[in-house]
N, C-alpha and C. Protein backbone atom coordinates (compact mmCIF):
# COMPACT_ATOMS: atom_id res chain seq x y z
N MET A 1 -6.22 -53.61 44.45
CA MET A 1 -7.29 -54.03 45.15
C MET A 1 -7.01 -53.49 46.33
N ASN A 2 -8.06 -53.05 47.70
CA ASN A 2 -7.82 -53.16 48.75
C ASN A 2 -8.14 -54.46 49.75
N LYS A 3 -6.53 -54.80 49.63
CA LYS A 3 -6.99 -56.49 50.57
C LYS A 3 -8.02 -56.16 51.83
N ASN A 4 -8.21 -55.22 52.64
CA ASN A 4 -9.57 -54.81 53.64
C ASN A 4 -11.09 -55.48 53.31
N THR A 5 -10.99 -54.87 51.76
CA THR A 5 -12.10 -54.93 51.48
C THR A 5 -12.97 -56.42 50.57
N GLN A 6 -10.97 -56.66 50.18
CA GLN A 6 -11.08 -58.47 49.08
C GLN A 6 -11.42 -59.31 50.74
N GLN A 7 -10.81 -58.93 51.78
CA GLN A 7 -11.00 -60.34 53.03
C GLN A 7 -12.49 -60.42 53.54
N GLN A 8 -13.36 -58.73 53.62
CA GLN A 8 -14.92 -58.84 54.10
C GLN A 8 -15.50 -59.19 52.43
N ILE A 9 -15.25 -59.31 51.19
CA ILE A 9 -16.05 -60.17 50.62
C ILE A 9 -15.38 -61.80 50.53
N LEU A 10 -14.72 -61.90 51.01
CA LEU A 10 -14.39 -63.61 51.63
C LEU A 10 -14.95 -63.69 52.96
N ASP A 11 -15.16 -63.13 54.03
CA ASP A 11 -15.64 -63.07 55.39
C ASP A 11 -17.42 -63.65 54.58
N GLY A 12 -17.71 -62.18 54.10
CA GLY A 12 -19.46 -62.28 53.68
C GLY A 12 -19.28 -63.58 52.70
N ALA A 13 -19.03 -63.59 52.07
CA ALA A 13 -19.08 -65.27 50.82
C ALA A 13 -18.90 -66.64 51.33
N LYS A 14 -18.10 -66.51 52.95
CA LYS A 14 -17.98 -67.82 53.32
C LYS A 14 -18.98 -67.77 54.34
N LYS A 15 -19.74 -66.73 55.08
CA LYS A 15 -21.63 -66.71 55.49
C LYS A 15 -22.04 -67.06 54.50
N CYS A 16 -22.04 -66.29 53.40
CA CYS A 16 -23.53 -66.81 52.19
C CYS A 16 -23.17 -68.42 51.78
N PHE A 17 -21.99 -68.94 51.50
CA PHE A 17 -22.14 -70.46 51.67
C PHE A 17 -22.27 -71.40 52.35
N PHE A 18 -21.46 -71.00 53.94
CA PHE A 18 -21.88 -71.79 54.85
C PHE A 18 -23.83 -71.97 55.24
N GLN A 19 -24.35 -70.62 54.95
CA GLN A 19 -25.75 -70.42 55.15
C GLN A 19 -26.65 -71.50 53.77
N HIS A 20 -25.96 -71.11 52.72
CA HIS A 20 -27.34 -71.70 51.93
C HIS A 20 -26.83 -72.78 50.82
N GLY A 21 -25.09 -73.03 50.83
CA GLY A 21 -24.35 -73.60 49.75
C GLY A 21 -24.22 -72.83 48.76
N TYR A 22 -23.68 -73.99 48.10
CA TYR A 22 -23.09 -73.10 46.96
C TYR A 22 -24.08 -72.87 45.87
N LYS A 23 -24.76 -74.51 45.32
CA LYS A 23 -25.51 -74.17 44.47
C LYS A 23 -26.52 -73.05 44.62
N ALA A 24 -26.95 -72.73 45.88
CA ALA A 24 -27.62 -71.65 45.73
C ALA A 24 -27.24 -70.02 45.86
N SER A 25 -26.25 -69.85 46.38
CA SER A 25 -25.69 -68.90 46.44
C SER A 25 -25.27 -68.58 45.18
N ASN A 26 -25.59 -66.81 44.52
CA ASN A 26 -25.02 -66.13 43.42
C ASN A 26 -24.37 -65.01 44.01
N MET A 27 -23.48 -64.32 43.30
CA MET A 27 -23.22 -63.22 42.87
C MET A 27 -23.90 -62.32 43.36
N SER A 28 -25.03 -61.86 43.85
CA SER A 28 -25.82 -61.21 44.39
C SER A 28 -25.90 -61.25 45.63
N LEU A 29 -26.39 -62.49 46.30
CA LEU A 29 -27.00 -62.76 47.24
C LEU A 29 -25.48 -62.58 48.17
N ILE A 30 -24.19 -62.97 47.36
CA ILE A 30 -22.96 -62.50 47.81
C ILE A 30 -22.73 -60.95 48.32
N SER A 31 -23.07 -60.43 47.23
CA SER A 31 -22.37 -59.42 47.70
C SER A 31 -23.56 -58.65 48.90
N GLN A 32 -24.26 -59.27 48.97
CA GLN A 32 -25.41 -58.93 50.39
C GLN A 32 -24.82 -59.36 51.37
N TYR A 33 -24.51 -60.48 51.84
CA TYR A 33 -23.32 -60.93 52.70
C TYR A 33 -21.81 -59.78 52.64
N ALA A 34 -21.49 -59.71 51.79
CA ALA A 34 -20.45 -59.01 51.74
C ALA A 34 -20.34 -57.81 52.23
N GLY A 35 -21.54 -56.84 52.41
CA GLY A 35 -21.81 -55.50 52.24
C GLY A 35 -21.60 -54.96 51.66
N PHE A 36 -21.11 -55.23 49.87
CA PHE A 36 -20.75 -54.53 48.66
C PHE A 36 -21.27 -54.67 47.69
N SER A 37 -20.91 -53.63 46.99
CA SER A 37 -22.55 -53.95 45.44
C SER A 37 -22.13 -54.76 44.59
N ARG A 38 -22.53 -55.18 43.82
CA ARG A 38 -22.52 -56.64 42.54
C ARG A 38 -21.03 -55.81 41.99
N VAL A 39 -21.10 -54.93 41.60
CA VAL A 39 -20.09 -54.17 40.55
C VAL A 39 -18.62 -54.56 41.54
N THR A 40 -18.40 -53.75 42.83
CA THR A 40 -17.79 -54.07 43.85
C THR A 40 -16.81 -55.69 44.03
N LEU A 41 -18.18 -56.23 43.47
CA LEU A 41 -17.57 -57.56 44.23
C LEU A 41 -17.59 -58.54 42.83
N HIS A 42 -17.71 -57.96 41.69
CA HIS A 42 -17.01 -58.17 40.19
C HIS A 42 -15.39 -57.38 40.20
N LYS A 43 -14.87 -56.65 40.69
CA LYS A 43 -13.85 -55.69 40.54
C LYS A 43 -12.79 -56.91 41.53
N TYR A 44 -12.91 -57.64 42.33
CA TYR A 44 -12.38 -58.53 42.79
C TYR A 44 -12.47 -60.62 41.68
N PHE A 45 -14.12 -60.65 41.85
CA PHE A 45 -14.27 -61.88 41.39
C PHE A 45 -14.73 -61.56 40.09
N LYS A 46 -14.73 -62.67 39.45
CA LYS A 46 -15.42 -62.49 37.94
C LYS A 46 -16.80 -63.54 37.98
N ASN A 47 -16.80 -64.66 39.40
CA ASN A 47 -17.51 -65.35 39.38
C ASN A 47 -17.51 -66.22 40.52
N LYS A 48 -18.74 -66.70 40.88
CA LYS A 48 -19.03 -67.51 42.47
C LYS A 48 -17.90 -68.66 42.27
N ASP A 49 -17.61 -68.75 41.29
CA ASP A 49 -16.63 -69.84 41.13
C ASP A 49 -15.36 -69.35 41.54
N LEU A 50 -14.50 -68.13 41.70
CA LEU A 50 -13.78 -67.64 41.86
C LEU A 50 -13.21 -67.51 43.38
N VAL A 51 -15.48 -66.72 43.92
CA VAL A 51 -15.38 -66.30 45.42
C VAL A 51 -15.25 -67.62 45.97
N PHE A 52 -15.70 -68.72 45.60
CA PHE A 52 -15.79 -70.26 46.26
C PHE A 52 -14.14 -70.77 46.31
N ARG A 53 -13.27 -70.81 45.39
CA ARG A 53 -12.05 -70.68 45.56
C ARG A 53 -11.45 -70.57 46.38
N ALA A 54 -11.85 -68.83 46.68
CA ALA A 54 -11.08 -68.06 47.53
C ALA A 54 -11.24 -68.64 48.62
N VAL A 55 -12.58 -68.57 49.12
CA VAL A 55 -12.78 -68.83 50.23
C VAL A 55 -12.00 -70.47 50.97
N CYS A 56 -11.52 -71.12 49.83
CA CYS A 56 -11.46 -72.73 50.11
C CYS A 56 -9.48 -72.47 50.09
N HIS A 57 -9.26 -71.69 49.72
CA HIS A 57 -8.09 -71.41 49.33
C HIS A 57 -7.13 -70.66 50.92
N GLU A 58 -8.33 -69.75 51.12
CA GLU A 58 -7.72 -69.17 52.43
C GLU A 58 -7.83 -69.77 53.84
N TYR A 59 -8.78 -71.09 53.67
CA TYR A 59 -8.53 -71.74 54.35
C TYR A 59 -7.70 -72.85 54.56
N GLN A 60 -7.43 -72.97 53.64
CA GLN A 60 -5.93 -74.41 53.89
C GLN A 60 -4.77 -73.56 53.85
N ALA A 61 -4.86 -71.91 53.73
CA ALA A 61 -3.44 -71.37 53.85
C ALA A 61 -3.53 -71.48 55.35
N ARG A 62 -4.30 -70.91 55.81
CA ARG A 62 -4.72 -71.05 57.67
C ARG A 62 -3.78 -72.28 58.24
N CYS A 63 -4.50 -73.52 57.46
CA CYS A 63 -4.03 -74.81 58.24
C CYS A 63 -2.54 -75.27 57.96
N HIS A 64 -1.88 -74.53 56.69
CA HIS A 64 -0.66 -74.24 56.34
C HIS A 64 0.44 -73.78 57.28
N GLU A 65 -0.59 -72.31 57.41
CA GLU A 65 0.46 -71.94 58.54
C GLU A 65 0.29 -72.17 59.93
N ALA A 66 -0.97 -72.51 60.34
CA ALA A 66 -0.80 -73.33 62.12
C ALA A 66 0.47 -74.27 62.26
N CYS A 67 0.49 -75.37 60.97
CA CYS A 67 1.41 -76.05 61.43
C CYS A 67 3.02 -75.84 61.11
N LEU A 68 3.38 -74.75 60.68
CA LEU A 68 4.66 -73.72 60.99
C LEU A 68 5.26 -73.66 62.34
N PRO A 69 4.73 -73.19 63.46
CA PRO A 69 4.92 -73.45 64.28
C PRO A 69 5.59 -75.20 65.06
N ILE A 70 4.82 -75.84 64.49
CA ILE A 70 4.95 -77.33 64.95
C ILE A 70 6.03 -77.86 64.60
N LEU A 71 6.11 -77.45 63.30
CA LEU A 71 7.95 -77.88 62.92
C LEU A 71 8.76 -77.15 63.58
N ASP A 72 8.45 -75.84 63.87
CA ASP A 72 9.59 -74.87 65.06
C ASP A 72 10.00 -75.71 66.67
N ALA A 73 8.33 -76.01 66.74
CA ALA A 73 8.40 -76.33 68.50
C ALA A 73 9.46 -77.99 68.67
N GLN A 74 10.29 -78.20 67.85
CA GLN A 74 10.77 -79.28 68.26
C GLN A 74 10.19 -80.44 69.23
N LEU A 75 9.09 -80.32 69.03
CA LEU A 75 8.36 -81.89 70.17
C LEU A 75 8.29 -83.01 70.08
N ASN A 76 7.73 -84.17 70.56
CA ASN A 76 8.37 -85.84 70.28
C ASN A 76 7.18 -85.57 68.84
N CYS A 77 8.38 -86.68 67.99
CA CYS A 77 7.80 -87.14 66.73
C CYS A 77 6.30 -86.91 66.87
N TRP A 78 5.64 -87.56 67.21
CA TRP A 78 4.43 -88.28 67.30
C TRP A 78 3.18 -87.27 67.88
N GLU A 79 3.79 -86.32 68.89
CA GLU A 79 3.14 -85.34 69.26
C GLU A 79 2.76 -84.49 68.00
N GLY A 80 4.19 -84.41 67.22
CA GLY A 80 4.29 -83.45 66.22
C GLY A 80 3.26 -83.92 65.17
N ILE A 81 3.64 -84.67 64.89
CA ILE A 81 2.55 -85.52 63.83
C ILE A 81 0.76 -85.20 64.27
N ALA A 82 0.45 -85.65 65.87
CA ALA A 82 -0.92 -85.44 65.76
C ALA A 82 -1.33 -84.20 66.16
N GLN A 83 -0.36 -83.17 66.05
CA GLN A 83 -0.92 -81.55 66.38
C GLN A 83 -1.27 -81.12 64.77
N SER A 84 0.28 -81.61 63.27
CA SER A 84 -0.74 -81.27 62.34
C SER A 84 -1.35 -81.82 61.56
N LEU A 85 -1.42 -83.14 61.97
CA LEU A 85 -3.14 -83.61 61.59
C LEU A 85 -4.23 -82.55 61.73
N GLY A 86 -4.14 -82.54 63.42
CA GLY A 86 -5.47 -82.02 63.98
C GLY A 86 -5.57 -80.45 62.98
N ALA A 87 -4.49 -79.88 63.21
CA ALA A 87 -4.48 -78.42 62.48
C ALA A 87 -5.24 -78.79 61.07
N TRP A 88 -5.16 -79.86 60.25
CA TRP A 88 -5.27 -80.03 58.81
C TRP A 88 -6.73 -80.61 58.86
N SER A 89 -7.21 -81.36 59.84
CA SER A 89 -8.25 -82.53 60.14
C SER A 89 -9.56 -81.60 59.94
N LYS A 90 -9.46 -80.46 60.74
CA LYS A 90 -11.24 -80.02 60.64
C LYS A 90 -11.28 -79.39 59.29
N SER A 91 -12.61 -79.94 58.82
CA SER A 91 -13.34 -79.59 57.59
C SER A 91 -13.87 -77.81 57.67
N ILE A 92 -13.60 -77.66 56.59
CA ILE A 92 -13.72 -76.20 56.29
C ILE A 92 -15.07 -76.09 56.68
N PHE A 93 -15.68 -77.16 56.26
CA PHE A 93 -17.83 -76.95 56.28
C PHE A 93 -17.69 -77.25 57.54
N GLU A 94 -16.91 -77.88 58.74
CA GLU A 94 -17.60 -78.03 59.98
C GLU A 94 -18.60 -77.14 60.89
N SER A 95 -18.23 -75.79 60.49
CA SER A 95 -19.30 -75.14 61.10
C SER A 95 -20.56 -75.57 60.81
N VAL A 96 -20.78 -75.97 59.70
CA VAL A 96 -22.02 -75.75 58.42
C VAL A 96 -22.71 -76.73 59.46
N SER A 97 -24.04 -76.97 59.99
CA SER A 97 -25.06 -77.91 60.68
C SER A 97 -26.09 -78.31 59.73
N ASP A 98 -26.95 -77.50 59.09
CA ASP A 98 -27.69 -78.00 57.82
C ASP A 98 -26.61 -79.65 57.26
N ARG A 99 -27.23 -80.86 57.24
CA ARG A 99 -26.15 -81.75 56.38
C ARG A 99 -27.04 -81.00 54.79
N LEU A 100 -27.80 -80.69 54.24
CA LEU A 100 -28.09 -81.04 52.57
C LEU A 100 -26.85 -79.73 52.33
N VAL A 101 -26.58 -78.52 53.11
CA VAL A 101 -25.56 -77.48 52.76
C VAL A 101 -24.02 -77.92 52.98
N TYR A 102 -23.84 -79.11 54.24
CA TYR A 102 -23.22 -79.46 54.23
C TYR A 102 -22.65 -80.33 53.05
N LYS A 103 -23.39 -81.41 52.62
CA LYS A 103 -23.09 -82.23 51.38
C LYS A 103 -22.67 -81.26 50.18
N ASP A 104 -23.85 -80.28 50.13
CA ASP A 104 -23.66 -79.63 48.80
C ASP A 104 -22.43 -79.05 48.51
N LEU A 105 -21.73 -78.26 50.01
CA LEU A 105 -20.29 -77.73 49.90
C LEU A 105 -18.92 -78.70 49.51
N HIS A 106 -19.39 -79.75 50.18
CA HIS A 106 -18.19 -81.13 49.88
C HIS A 106 -18.40 -81.49 48.44
N TYR A 107 -19.57 -81.33 47.77
CA TYR A 107 -19.79 -81.92 46.29
C TYR A 107 -19.10 -80.40 45.48
N TYR A 108 -19.14 -80.01 45.54
CA TYR A 108 -18.52 -78.49 45.17
C TYR A 108 -17.53 -78.28 45.31
N ALA A 109 -16.83 -78.69 46.28
CA ALA A 109 -15.29 -78.31 46.40
C ALA A 109 -14.62 -79.05 45.52
N GLN A 110 -14.71 -80.23 45.51
CA GLN A 110 -14.30 -81.15 44.49
C GLN A 110 -15.15 -81.05 43.44
N GLN A 111 -15.97 -80.25 43.02
CA GLN A 111 -16.18 -79.59 41.42
C GLN A 111 -15.11 -78.53 41.54
N VAL A 112 -15.71 -77.78 42.09
CA VAL A 112 -14.99 -76.86 41.82
C VAL A 112 -13.14 -75.87 42.72
N ALA A 113 -13.11 -76.91 43.68
CA ALA A 113 -12.40 -76.16 44.23
C ALA A 113 -11.00 -77.19 44.19
N GLU A 114 -11.10 -78.58 43.69
CA GLU A 114 -10.47 -79.81 43.65
C GLU A 114 -8.42 -79.65 43.76
N ASP A 115 -8.30 -78.99 43.14
CA ASP A 115 -6.66 -78.80 42.77
C ASP A 115 -5.97 -78.26 44.37
N ILE A 116 -7.18 -76.98 44.72
CA ILE A 116 -6.82 -76.83 46.28
C ILE A 116 -6.57 -77.54 46.98
N PHE A 117 -7.29 -78.44 47.59
CA PHE A 117 -7.88 -79.42 48.24
C PHE A 117 -6.27 -80.53 48.05
N LEU A 118 -5.73 -80.51 46.80
CA LEU A 118 -4.65 -81.43 46.40
C LEU A 118 -3.90 -80.66 46.90
N ASP A 119 -3.48 -79.77 46.41
CA ASP A 119 -2.49 -78.88 46.77
C ASP A 119 -2.48 -78.73 48.44
N ALA A 120 -3.70 -78.90 49.62
CA ALA A 120 -3.25 -78.78 50.71
C ALA A 120 -2.66 -79.84 51.36
N HIS A 121 -3.17 -81.11 50.58
CA HIS A 121 -2.52 -82.31 50.89
C HIS A 121 -0.81 -82.71 50.45
N LEU A 122 -0.87 -81.82 49.50
CA LEU A 122 0.64 -82.12 49.30
C LEU A 122 1.75 -81.63 50.10
N LYS A 123 1.06 -80.33 50.70
CA LYS A 123 1.71 -79.14 51.98
C LYS A 123 1.56 -79.96 52.93
N LEU A 124 0.48 -81.08 53.15
CA LEU A 124 0.98 -81.78 54.39
C LEU A 124 1.72 -82.75 54.61
N GLU A 125 1.78 -83.56 53.39
CA GLU A 125 2.67 -84.55 53.08
C GLU A 125 4.06 -83.88 53.48
N SER A 126 4.15 -82.38 53.01
CA SER A 126 5.71 -81.91 53.22
C SER A 126 6.05 -82.02 54.42
N VAL A 127 4.93 -81.07 55.16
CA VAL A 127 5.15 -80.84 56.84
C VAL A 127 5.12 -82.62 57.55
N LEU A 128 4.52 -83.23 57.25
CA LEU A 128 4.51 -84.78 58.11
C LEU A 128 6.01 -85.46 57.78
N CYS A 129 6.55 -85.44 56.42
CA CYS A 129 7.91 -86.16 55.95
C CYS A 129 9.11 -84.92 56.92
N GLN A 130 9.07 -83.78 57.12
CA GLN A 130 10.15 -83.16 57.68
C GLN A 130 9.62 -83.81 59.22
N ILE A 131 8.96 -83.82 59.83
CA ILE A 131 8.55 -84.49 61.11
C ILE A 131 8.90 -85.96 61.26
N ILE A 132 8.42 -86.51 60.22
CA ILE A 132 9.17 -87.98 60.43
C ILE A 132 11.03 -88.27 60.39
N ASN A 133 11.17 -87.15 59.02
CA ASN A 133 12.21 -87.21 59.39
C ASN A 133 13.00 -87.07 60.61
N GLN A 134 12.65 -86.02 61.54
CA GLN A 134 13.34 -85.84 62.25
C GLN A 134 13.53 -86.66 63.71
N GLY A 135 11.99 -86.90 63.46
CA GLY A 135 11.74 -88.68 64.49
C GLY A 135 12.81 -89.76 64.06
N GLU A 136 13.10 -89.81 63.01
CA GLU A 136 13.71 -91.30 62.74
C GLU A 136 15.00 -90.72 63.16
N LYS A 137 15.61 -89.38 62.80
CA LYS A 137 16.97 -88.84 63.69
C LYS A 137 17.25 -89.32 64.99
N ASN A 138 16.34 -88.97 65.49
CA ASN A 138 15.85 -88.67 66.67
C ASN A 138 15.62 -89.80 67.63
N GLY A 139 15.18 -91.26 67.02
CA GLY A 139 15.14 -92.18 67.27
C GLY A 139 13.89 -92.75 67.93
N GLU A 140 12.88 -92.39 67.24
CA GLU A 140 11.41 -91.87 67.78
C GLU A 140 10.87 -93.01 67.07
N LEU A 141 11.18 -93.48 65.82
CA LEU A 141 10.28 -94.44 65.23
C LEU A 141 11.27 -94.97 64.04
N ASP A 142 11.05 -95.97 63.47
CA ASP A 142 11.75 -96.81 62.37
C ASP A 142 11.06 -97.13 61.16
N LEU A 143 11.43 -96.71 59.95
CA LEU A 143 10.71 -96.51 58.53
C LEU A 143 11.10 -97.47 58.39
N GLN A 144 12.27 -98.44 58.61
CA GLN A 144 12.54 -100.09 57.97
C GLN A 144 11.58 -101.08 58.71
N LYS A 145 11.59 -100.69 60.13
CA LYS A 145 10.68 -101.94 60.56
C LYS A 145 9.01 -101.48 59.66
N LEU A 146 8.73 -100.33 59.83
CA LEU A 146 7.13 -100.45 58.64
C LEU A 146 7.19 -100.66 57.67
N GLN A 147 8.68 -100.61 57.43
CA GLN A 147 8.83 -101.31 55.61
C GLN A 147 8.31 -100.30 54.79
N LEU A 148 8.59 -98.62 55.37
CA LEU A 148 8.09 -97.20 54.53
C LEU A 148 8.82 -96.72 54.44
N SER A 149 8.65 -95.87 53.50
CA SER A 149 9.32 -94.44 53.42
C SER A 149 8.53 -93.10 54.35
N ASN A 150 9.34 -92.67 54.20
CA ASN A 150 8.31 -91.18 54.74
C ASN A 150 7.32 -90.65 54.35
N ILE A 151 7.49 -90.72 52.96
CA ILE A 151 6.55 -90.00 52.07
C ILE A 151 5.49 -90.91 52.81
N GLN A 152 5.28 -92.27 52.17
CA GLN A 152 4.43 -93.51 52.33
C GLN A 152 3.84 -93.19 53.44
N LEU A 153 4.53 -92.99 54.38
CA LEU A 153 3.90 -92.75 55.63
C LEU A 153 3.19 -92.05 56.15
N ALA A 154 3.67 -90.84 55.50
CA ALA A 154 3.02 -89.71 55.23
C ALA A 154 1.59 -90.14 54.35
N LYS A 155 1.21 -90.02 53.75
CA LYS A 155 0.36 -90.75 52.94
C LYS A 155 -0.78 -91.68 53.18
N ILE A 156 0.01 -92.46 54.34
CA ILE A 156 -1.06 -93.18 54.86
C ILE A 156 -1.72 -92.95 55.80
N LEU A 157 -0.96 -91.91 56.39
CA LEU A 157 -1.14 -91.24 57.90
C LEU A 157 -2.83 -90.24 57.47
N ILE A 158 -2.75 -89.92 56.26
CA ILE A 158 -3.71 -88.65 55.77
C ILE A 158 -4.40 -89.17 55.44
N ALA A 159 -4.83 -90.97 54.38
CA ALA A 159 -5.68 -91.25 54.39
C ALA A 159 -6.67 -92.16 55.54
N THR A 160 -5.83 -92.35 56.50
CA THR A 160 -6.03 -92.72 57.27
C THR A 160 -7.04 -91.80 58.09
N ILE A 161 -6.80 -90.76 58.36
CA ILE A 161 -7.17 -89.56 59.18
C ILE A 161 -8.69 -88.96 58.34
N ASN A 162 -8.33 -88.93 57.36
CA ASN A 162 -9.69 -88.60 56.21
C ASN A 162 -10.51 -89.61 56.38
N GLY A 163 -10.46 -90.86 56.23
CA GLY A 163 -11.44 -91.76 56.51
C GLY A 163 -12.08 -91.96 57.57
N ILE A 164 -11.52 -91.26 58.51
CA ILE A 164 -12.12 -91.28 59.81
C ILE A 164 -12.59 -90.37 59.85
N ASN A 165 -12.38 -88.92 59.00
CA ASN A 165 -13.31 -87.64 59.83
C ASN A 165 -14.27 -88.42 58.66
N SER A 166 -14.10 -88.71 57.47
CA SER A 166 -15.72 -89.26 56.92
C SER A 166 -16.42 -90.09 57.23
N ASN A 167 -15.87 -91.04 57.89
CA ASN A 167 -16.80 -92.26 58.37
C ASN A 167 -17.28 -92.42 59.86
N MET A 168 -16.55 -91.60 60.70
CA MET A 168 -16.84 -91.75 62.24
C MET A 168 -17.53 -90.59 62.82
N ALA A 169 -18.73 -90.87 63.25
CA ALA A 169 -19.22 -90.45 64.37
C ALA A 169 -18.60 -88.70 64.38
N PRO A 170 -19.35 -87.21 65.03
CA PRO A 170 -18.20 -86.12 65.03
C PRO A 170 -17.63 -86.75 66.58
N GLU A 171 -18.64 -87.32 67.43
CA GLU A 171 -17.87 -86.74 68.55
C GLU A 171 -16.77 -88.43 69.04
N LEU A 172 -17.03 -89.15 68.25
CA LEU A 172 -15.80 -90.12 67.88
C LEU A 172 -14.18 -89.78 67.13
N ILE A 173 -14.35 -88.97 66.37
CA ILE A 173 -13.62 -88.67 65.47
C ILE A 173 -11.53 -88.46 66.42
N LYS A 174 -12.46 -87.93 67.59
CA LYS A 174 -10.74 -87.41 67.88
C LYS A 174 -10.38 -88.55 68.44
N LEU A 175 -11.08 -89.52 69.71
CA LEU A 175 -10.76 -90.54 70.39
C LEU A 175 -10.13 -91.94 69.17
N THR A 176 -10.99 -91.79 67.83
CA THR A 176 -10.37 -92.25 67.13
C THR A 176 -9.28 -92.23 66.49
N THR A 177 -9.13 -91.08 66.11
CA THR A 177 -8.24 -90.51 65.86
C THR A 177 -6.88 -90.78 66.31
N LYS A 178 -6.76 -90.47 67.94
CA LYS A 178 -5.61 -90.70 68.72
C LYS A 178 -5.21 -92.52 68.79
N GLN A 179 -6.60 -93.18 68.44
CA GLN A 179 -6.07 -94.24 68.36
C GLN A 179 -5.51 -94.96 67.63
N ALA A 180 -6.11 -94.60 66.15
CA ALA A 180 -5.14 -94.86 65.24
C ALA A 180 -3.50 -94.59 64.94
N LEU A 181 -2.92 -93.64 65.85
CA LEU A 181 -2.06 -92.87 65.58
C LEU A 181 -0.87 -93.73 66.87
N ASN A 182 -2.27 -94.10 67.33
CA ASN A 182 -1.08 -94.99 68.66
C ASN A 182 -0.27 -96.07 67.91
N ILE A 183 -1.54 -96.29 67.15
CA ILE A 183 -1.14 -97.65 66.97
C ILE A 183 0.37 -97.61 65.42
N PHE A 184 0.20 -96.64 65.11
CA PHE A 184 0.89 -96.12 64.16
C PHE A 184 2.46 -95.82 64.74
N ARG A 185 2.11 -95.37 66.19
CA ARG A 185 3.36 -95.22 66.99
C ARG A 185 3.73 -96.59 67.52
N LEU A 186 3.16 -97.03 67.83
CA LEU A 186 3.49 -98.53 68.20
C LEU A 186 4.40 -99.59 67.42
N ALA A 187 3.44 -99.34 66.47
CA ALA A 187 4.10 -100.29 64.84
C ALA A 187 5.73 -99.80 64.70
N GLY A 188 6.22 -98.47 64.96
CA GLY A 188 7.26 -97.92 64.14
C GLY A 188 8.01 -97.56 65.09
N ASP A 189 7.95 -98.29 66.55
CA ASP A 189 8.42 -98.06 67.67
C ASP A 189 9.78 -98.83 67.90
N PRO A 190 11.34 -98.12 67.41
CA PRO A 190 12.39 -98.90 67.46
C PRO A 190 12.21 -99.87 68.50
N ASN A 191 11.87 -99.40 69.57
CA ASN A 191 12.01 -100.41 70.74
C ASN A 191 10.80 -101.01 71.44
N HIS A 192 10.30 -101.73 70.87
CA HIS A 192 9.15 -102.41 70.64
C HIS A 192 9.21 -103.39 69.80
N LEU A 193 9.25 -104.58 70.45
CA LEU A 193 9.54 -105.78 69.78
C LEU A 193 8.19 -106.04 69.08
N ASN A 194 8.78 -106.83 67.93
CA ASN A 194 7.00 -106.63 67.02
C ASN A 194 6.98 -108.57 67.58
N ALA A 195 6.15 -108.57 67.99
CA ALA A 195 5.39 -109.98 67.79
C ALA A 195 5.13 -111.26 67.01
N SER A 196 6.29 -112.51 67.34
CA SER A 196 6.51 -113.39 65.97
C SER A 196 5.87 -114.37 66.08
């Protein structure tokens, strides 16, 4: 299989899905956006579900790759957490301006590619756990003070950011995320006294 052809198909499929939504897209329409015949498209993907899953998987792989330099950068714990969450917190569908298409894509992402997004959460948890462990070693946070394990804190951070992304107006997401991380930072600061 030619990697360039496969990438062109994925790029075209993404444009198709983002323009028309999952439900309205089909292999004929995807082949038009990709610039290849349906025969060629079917050599790479047997059906629309597999194309959609590949688009979702490619996005999640890019998010994970964006975190690798953050792990190597030896940043302050909370800066590393903020950058990692920032790399993952953007929705794959954030560039979709049509609200009905956006909702359609979110719904079918849960139906068709849920395992891909669950795997992505596990990868993000792993990245956050590494950053949290290093931060605790460096004295930048105290997990005992939080009464949490590194994995519990990672899961709570992810759930918090997912909640912010799902419930806040787009223009408030960045500020609200920063405020939430500041609350966690202060709560886990080994040098910050608890109010009695």
